[in-house]
Amino acid sequence: MKLITVEAKFSAETLDNAIAAFEASAQAVCAMAGCQTYTIYSSNDAASIVIVQKWASMEQFDAYRGSAAFAEIGKSLKPMMTAPPITTVASVDG
């Protein structure tokens, strides 16, 4: 199993819109083959969002990254980001 975290930074003015965009895409992502968890955490103090995802395999995560859903969320979020997102991938058992 792959545990993926994505940390994205936004301005305080765009944080609520960014959270809404992530939440709007969550159901479609969770329905994708191999997605076991897609949880959104936010910090108003740091104007950041962390997405914690669990995928059955790296191939299934890569399929998500190549999907229309991923392209759409990126299109809406990238203009709001104050820095490039940081993605961390770890292999975990169970």
C-alpha atoms as a PDB file:
ATOM      1  CA  MET A   1       0.000   0.000   0.000  1.00  0.00           C
ATOM      2  CA  LYS A   2       1.133   3.553  -0.668  1.00  0.00           C
ATOM      3  CA  LEU A   3       0.610   6.386   1.793  1.00  0.00           C
ATOM      4  CA  ILE A   4       0.769   9.741   0.036  1.00  0.00           C
ATOM      5  CA  THR A   5       0.694  13.172   1.609  1.00  0.00           C
ATOM      6  CA  VAL A   6       0.357  16.374  -0.358  1.00  0.00           C
ATOM      7  CA  GLU A   7       0.961  19.705   1.352  1.00  0.00           C
ATOM      8  CA  ALA A   8      -0.233  22.809  -0.455  1.00  0.00           C
ATOM      9  CA  LYS A   9       0.107  26.435   0.665  1.00  0.00           C
ATOM     10  CA  PHE A  10      -2.384  29.174  -0.116  1.00  0.00           C
ATOM     11  CA  SER A  11      -2.977  32.761   0.858  1.00  0.00           C
ATOM     12  CA  ALA A  12      -5.395  33.346   3.713  1.00  0.00           C
ATOM     13  CA  GLU A  13      -7.783  34.898   1.172  1.00  0.00           C
ATOM     14  CA  THR A  14      -7.919  31.784  -1.043  1.00  0.00           C
ATOM     15  CA  LEU A  15      -7.763  29.031   1.599  1.00  0.00           C
ATOM     16  CA  ASP A  16     -11.544  28.536   1.854  1.00  0.00           C
ATOM     17  CA  ASN A  17     -11.874  28.294  -1.940  1.00  0.00           C
ATOM     18  CA  ALA A  18      -9.025  25.779  -2.058  1.00  0.00           C
ATOM     19  CA  ILE A  19     -10.629  23.632   0.645  1.00  0.00           C
ATOM     20  CA  ALA A  20     -13.925  23.722  -1.249  1.00  0.00           C
ATOM     21  CA  ALA A  21     -12.185  22.639  -4.467  1.00  0.00           C
ATOM     22  CA  PHE A  22     -10.496  19.695  -2.735  1.00  0.00           C
ATOM     23  CA  GLU A  23     -13.751  18.689  -1.043  1.00  0.00           C
ATOM     24  CA  ALA A  24     -15.622  18.870  -4.357  1.00  0.00           C
ATOM     25  CA  SER A  25     -13.185  16.405  -5.927  1.00  0.00           C
ATOM     26  CA  ALA A  26     -12.939  14.024  -2.957  1.00  0.00           C
ATOM     27  CA  GLN A  27     -15.913  11.826  -3.860  1.00  0.00           C
ATOM     28  CA  ALA A  28     -14.680  11.236  -7.414  1.00  0.00           C
ATOM     29  CA  VAL A  29     -11.166  10.449  -6.174  1.00  0.00           C
ATOM     30  CA  CYS A  30     -12.461   8.048  -3.505  1.00  0.00           C
ATOM     31  CA  ALA A  31     -14.421   6.185  -6.192  1.00  0.00           C
ATOM     32  CA  MET A  32     -11.273   5.510  -8.230  1.00  0.00           C
ATOM     33  CA  ALA A  33      -9.796   2.007  -8.301  1.00  0.00           C
ATOM     34  CA  GLY A  34      -7.261   1.570  -5.522  1.00  0.00           C
ATOM     35  CA  CYS A  35      -8.121   4.666  -3.482  1.00  0.00           C
ATOM     36  CA  GLN A  36      -8.575   3.621   0.131  1.00  0.00           C
ATOM     37  CA  THR A  37      -8.408   7.000   1.876  1.00  0.00           C
ATOM     38  CA  TYR A  38      -8.543  10.638   0.763  1.00  0.00           C
ATOM     39  CA  THR A  39      -8.687  12.914   3.790  1.00  0.00           C
ATOM     40  CA  ILE A  40      -8.339  16.705   3.816  1.00  0.00           C
ATOM     41  CA  TYR A  41      -6.781  18.608   6.718  1.00  0.00           C
ATOM     42  CA  SER A  42      -6.361  22.367   6.873  1.00  0.00           C
ATOM     43  CA  SER A  43      -4.668  24.949   9.032  1.00  0.00           C
ATOM     44  CA  ASN A  44      -6.025  28.469   9.015  1.00  0.00           C
ATOM     45  CA  ASP A  45      -2.926  29.738  10.831  1.00  0.00           C
ATOM     46  CA  ALA A  46      -0.557  28.469   8.149  1.00  0.00           C
ATOM     47  CA  ALA A  47      -3.012  28.789   5.237  1.00  0.00           C
ATOM     48  CA  SER A  48      -2.144  25.259   4.217  1.00  0.00           C
ATOM     49  CA  ILE A  49      -3.918  22.063   3.297  1.00  0.00           C
ATOM     50  CA  VAL A  50      -2.619  18.533   3.708  1.00  0.00           C
ATOM     51  CA  ILE A  51      -4.240  15.678   1.826  1.00  0.00           C
ATOM     52  CA  VAL A  52      -3.566  12.202   3.212  1.00  0.00           C
ATOM     53  CA  GLN A  53      -4.220   9.439   0.718  1.00  0.00           C
ATOM     54  CA  LYS A  54      -3.867   5.664   0.800  1.00  0.00           C
ATOM     55  CA  TRP A  55      -3.654   3.799  -2.483  1.00  0.00           C
ATOM     56  CA  ALA A  56      -3.459   0.046  -3.014  1.00  0.00           C
ATOM     57  CA  SER A  57      -0.549   0.499  -5.433  1.00  0.00           C
ATOM     58  CA  MET A  58       1.660   3.139  -6.994  1.00  0.00           C
ATOM     59  CA  GLU A  59       0.210   2.234 -10.393  1.00  0.00           C
ATOM     60  CA  GLN A  60      -3.274   3.138  -9.187  1.00  0.00           C
ATOM     61  CA  PHE A  61      -2.028   6.411  -7.703  1.00  0.00           C
ATOM     62  CA  ASP A  62      -0.279   7.163 -10.999  1.00  0.00           C
ATOM     63  CA  ALA A  63      -3.551   6.449 -12.834  1.00  0.00           C
ATOM     64  CA  TYR A  64      -5.229   9.032 -10.594  1.00  0.00           C
ATOM     65  CA  ARG A  65      -2.470  11.550 -11.371  1.00  0.00           C
ATOM     66  CA  GLY A  66      -3.112  10.965 -15.066  1.00  0.00           C
ATOM     67  CA  SER A  67      -6.884  11.324 -14.722  1.00  0.00           C
ATOM     68  CA  ALA A  68      -9.224  14.107 -15.769  1.00  0.00           C
ATOM     69  CA  ALA A  69     -10.167  14.594 -12.097  1.00  0.00           C
ATOM     70  CA  PHE A  70      -6.540  15.316 -11.174  1.00  0.00           C
ATOM     71  CA  ALA A  71      -6.104  17.675 -14.130  1.00  0.00           C
ATOM     72  CA  GLU A  72      -9.262  19.574 -13.204  1.00  0.00           C
ATOM     73  CA  ILE A  73      -8.322  20.051  -9.556  1.00  0.00           C
ATOM     74  CA  GLY A  74      -4.831  21.162 -10.568  1.00  0.00           C
ATOM     75  CA  LYS A  75      -6.260  23.652 -13.039  1.00  0.00           C
ATOM     76  CA  SER A  76      -8.394  25.277 -10.365  1.00  0.00           C
ATOM     77  CA  LEU A  77      -5.866  25.134  -7.511  1.00  0.00           C
ATOM     78  CA  LYS A  78      -2.500  26.013  -9.059  1.00  0.00           C
ATOM     79  CA  PRO A  79      -3.347  29.702  -9.556  1.00  0.00           C
ATOM     80  CA  MET A  80      -4.244  29.938  -5.855  1.00  0.00           C
ATOM     81  CA  MET A  81      -1.084  28.242  -4.522  1.00  0.00           C
ATOM     82  CA  THR A  82       1.647  30.391  -3.008  1.00  0.00           C
ATOM     83  CA  ALA A  83       4.287  27.654  -3.485  1.00  0.00           C
ATOM     84  CA  PRO A  84       4.561  24.365  -5.364  1.00  0.00           C
ATOM     85  CA  PRO A  85       2.874  21.475  -3.529  1.00  0.00           C
ATOM     86  CA  ILE A  86       5.053  18.993  -1.658  1.00  0.00           C
ATOM     87  CA  THR A  87       4.209  15.332  -2.246  1.00  0.00           C
ATOM     88  CA  THR A  88       5.596  12.533  -0.083  1.00  0.00           C
ATOM     89  CA  VAL A  89       5.123   8.852  -0.926  1.00  0.00           C
ATOM     90  CA  ALA A  90       5.739   6.020   1.536  1.00  0.00           C
ATOM     91  CA  SER A  91       5.194   2.278   1.347  1.00  0.00           C
ATOM     92  CA  VAL A  92       3.252   0.835   4.281  1.00  0.00           C
ATOM     93  CA  ASP A  93       2.012  -2.608   5.242  1.00  0.00           C
ATOM     94  CA  GLY A  94      -1.702  -3.203   5.691  1.00  0.00           C
END
